[in-house]
C-alpha atoms as a PDB file:
ATOM      1  CA  MET A   1       0.000   0.000   0.000  1.00  0.00           C
ATOM      2  CA  VAL A   2       1.358   3.423  -0.952  1.00  0.00           C
ATOM      3  CA  THR A   3       0.479   6.353   1.288  1.00  0.00           C
ATOM      4  CA  ILE A   4       1.566   9.872   2.101  1.00  0.00           C
ATOM      5  CA  ASP A   5       4.723   9.930   4.238  1.00  0.00           C
ATOM      6  CA  ALA A   6       4.953  11.275   7.784  1.00  0.00           C
ATOM      7  CA  LYS A   7       5.866  14.795   6.605  1.00  0.00           C
ATOM      8  CA  GLY A   8       2.873  14.998   4.253  1.00  0.00           C
ATOM      9  CA  PHE A   9       4.698  14.473   0.960  1.00  0.00           C
ATOM     10  CA  ASN A  10       2.913  12.302  -1.573  1.00  0.00           C
ATOM     11  CA  ASP A  11       5.720  11.676  -4.077  1.00  0.00           C
ATOM     12  CA  ALA A  12       5.448   7.885  -3.695  1.00  0.00           C
ATOM     13  CA  VAL A  13       1.747   8.080  -4.540  1.00  0.00           C
ATOM     14  CA  TYR A  14       2.419  10.008  -7.742  1.00  0.00           C
ATOM     15  CA  VAL A  15       5.300   7.801  -8.887  1.00  0.00           C
ATOM     16  CA  THR A  16       3.010   4.784  -8.437  1.00  0.00           C
ATOM     17  CA  ALA A  17       0.254   6.535 -10.404  1.00  0.00           C
ATOM     18  CA  LEU A  18       2.758   7.378 -13.159  1.00  0.00           C
ATOM     19  CA  ALA A  19       3.909   3.755 -13.415  1.00  0.00           C
ATOM     20  CA  GLN A  20       0.295   2.625 -13.655  1.00  0.00           C
ATOM     21  CA  ALA A  21      -0.454   5.273 -16.308  1.00  0.00           C
ATOM     22  CA  ILE A  22       2.450   4.056 -18.435  1.00  0.00           C
ATOM     23  CA  LYS A  23       1.087   0.500 -18.250  1.00  0.00           C
ATOM     24  CA  LEU A  24      -2.492   1.659 -18.922  1.00  0.00           C
ATOM     25  CA  VAL A  25      -4.028   1.438 -22.385  1.00  0.00           C
ATOM     26  CA  LEU A  26      -5.422   4.750 -23.653  1.00  0.00           C
ATOM     27  CA  GLN A  27      -9.156   5.087 -22.811  1.00  0.00           C
ATOM     28  CA  GLU A  28      -9.032   1.932 -20.662  1.00  0.00           C
ATOM     29  CA  SER A  29      -9.915   3.784 -17.473  1.00  0.00           C
ATOM     30  CA  PRO A  30     -13.545   4.903 -17.147  1.00  0.00           C
ATOM     31  CA  PHE A  31     -12.426   7.856 -15.008  1.00  0.00           C
ATOM     32  CA  TYR A  32      -9.261   9.007 -16.795  1.00  0.00           C
ATOM     33  CA  GLY A  33      -9.821   8.303 -20.489  1.00  0.00           C
ATOM     34  CA  ASN A  34      -7.014  10.623 -21.585  1.00  0.00           C
ATOM     35  CA  VAL A  35      -4.363   8.800 -19.506  1.00  0.00           C
ATOM     36  CA  GLY A  36      -2.394   5.916 -20.965  1.00  0.00           C
ATOM     37  CA  ILE A  37      -0.664   4.805 -24.121  1.00  0.00           C
ATOM     38  CA  PRO A  38      -2.325   3.444 -27.292  1.00  0.00           C
ATOM     39  CA  GLN A  39      -0.474   0.138 -27.055  1.00  0.00           C
ATOM     40  CA  TYR A  40      -2.449  -1.752 -29.706  1.00  0.00           C
ATOM     41  CA  GLN A  41      -1.966   1.043 -32.247  1.00  0.00           C
ATOM     42  CA  THR A  42       1.733   1.096 -31.354  1.00  0.00           C
ATOM     43  CA  ILE A  43       2.030  -2.640 -32.062  1.00  0.00           C
ATOM     44  CA  VAL A  44       0.207  -2.403 -35.392  1.00  0.00           C
ATOM     45  CA  THR A  45       2.141   0.631 -36.674  1.00  0.00           C
ATOM     46  CA  GLN A  46       5.505  -0.423 -35.140  1.00  0.00           C
ATOM     47  CA  VAL A  47       6.033   3.154 -33.888  1.00  0.00           C
ATOM     48  CA  TYR A  48       7.263   3.741 -30.347  1.00  0.00           C
ATOM     49  CA  PRO A  49       4.767   5.604 -28.124  1.00  0.00           C
ATOM     50  CA  ASP A  50       7.288   8.342 -27.232  1.00  0.00           C
ATOM     51  CA  PHE A  51       4.741  11.115 -27.883  1.00  0.00           C
ATOM     52  CA  TYR A  52       2.292   9.707 -25.337  1.00  0.00           C
ATOM     53  CA  VAL A  53       5.051   9.072 -22.822  1.00  0.00           C
ATOM     54  CA  ALA A  54       6.146  12.712 -23.223  1.00  0.00           C
ATOM     55  CA  GLN A  55       2.558  13.780 -22.514  1.00  0.00           C
ATOM     56  CA  LEU A  56       2.549  11.702 -19.326  1.00  0.00           C
ATOM     57  CA  GLN A  57       5.885  13.210 -18.334  1.00  0.00           C
ATOM     58  CA  SER A  58       4.567  16.748 -18.716  1.00  0.00           C
ATOM     59  CA  GLN A  59       1.369  15.823 -16.865  1.00  0.00           C
ATOM     60  CA  TYR A  60       3.203  14.333 -13.864  1.00  0.00           C
ATOM     61  CA  ALA A  61       6.242  16.669 -13.782  1.00  0.00           C
ATOM     62  CA  GLN A  62       4.439  19.139 -11.515  1.00  0.00           C
ATOM     63  CA  TYR A  63       4.424  16.588  -8.686  1.00  0.00           C
ATOM     64  CA  PHE A  64       8.224  16.185  -8.516  1.00  0.00           C
ATOM     65  CA  ALA A  65      11.271  18.405  -8.245  1.00  0.00           C
ATOM     66  CA  SER A  66      12.486  16.719 -11.449  1.00  0.00           C
ATOM     67  CA  LEU A  67      11.047  13.997 -13.679  1.00  0.00           C
ATOM     68  CA  ASN A  68      12.826  12.351 -16.590  1.00  0.00           C
ATOM     69  CA  ILE A  69      11.456   9.513 -18.739  1.00  0.00           C
ATOM     70  CA  THR A  70      13.622   7.968 -21.464  1.00  0.00           C
ATOM     71  CA  ARG A  71      13.239   4.924 -23.688  1.00  0.00           C
ATOM     72  CA  GLN A  72      15.835   2.166 -23.464  1.00  0.00           C
ATOM     73  CA  GLN A  73      17.369   1.547 -26.877  1.00  0.00           C
ATOM     74  CA  GLY A  74      17.196  -1.921 -28.422  1.00  0.00           C
ATOM     75  CA  VAL A  75      14.934  -3.455 -25.789  1.00  0.00           C
ATOM     76  CA  ASP A  76      11.860  -5.484 -26.665  1.00  0.00           C
ATOM     77  CA  PRO A  77       9.190  -4.848 -25.382  1.00  0.00           C
ATOM     78  CA  PRO A  78       9.672  -1.067 -25.259  1.00  0.00           C
ATOM     79  CA  THR A  79      10.902  -0.145 -21.802  1.00  0.00           C
ATOM     80  CA  TYR A  80      11.037   3.335 -20.311  1.00  0.00           C
ATOM     81  CA  ASN A  81      13.399   4.444 -17.570  1.00  0.00           C
ATOM     82  CA  VAL A  82      11.664   6.732 -15.093  1.00  0.00           C
ATOM     83  CA  THR A  83      13.830   8.879 -12.825  1.00  0.00           C
ATOM     84  CA  ALA A  84      12.122  11.206 -10.369  1.00  0.00           C
ATOM     85  CA  ILE A  85      13.701  13.488  -7.815  1.00  0.00           C
ATOM     86  CA  THR A  86      11.302  14.008  -4.942  1.00  0.00           C
ATOM     87  CA  HIS A  87      10.730  17.217  -3.021  1.00  0.00           C
ATOM     88  CA  GLN A  88      12.838  15.775  -0.191  1.00  0.00           C
ATOM     89  CA  GLY A  89      15.766  15.312  -2.599  1.00  0.00           C
ATOM     90  CA  SER A  90      15.739  11.523  -2.890  1.00  0.00           C
ATOM     91  CA  THR A  91      15.896   9.853  -6.286  1.00  0.00           C
ATOM     92  CA  LEU A  92      13.387   7.235  -7.370  1.00  0.00           C
ATOM     93  CA  SER A  93      14.087   5.242 -10.523  1.00  0.00           C
ATOM     94  CA  ALA A  94      12.494   2.286 -12.257  1.00  0.00           C
ATOM     95  CA  ALA A  95      12.457   0.578 -15.640  1.00  0.00           C
ATOM     96  CA  ILE A  96       8.867   0.129 -16.802  1.00  0.00           C
ATOM     97  CA  PRO A  97       8.124  -2.162 -19.786  1.00  0.00           C
ATOM     98  CA  ILE A  98       5.058  -1.437 -21.841  1.00  0.00           C
END
């Protein structure tokens, strides 16, 4: 379970939401239809979903001191490295496959 820390910062909540949004198919959520990546279209067209990942990065950047999302080269399935610097100064990083 991810919750707000003792000092009231919710960076862990937003990094979890970002990871879930990257794994989410566009219009899959009944509440947040504009969040996600069109994974089926990406498979059919063989084009990486970098545009949609950039949209997610700009949407979630306001919740961190710094947020950087980059695609790993030559990895199948497409995998994105997420590096977030929290407001406390700690660095959170994860590799998220799509």
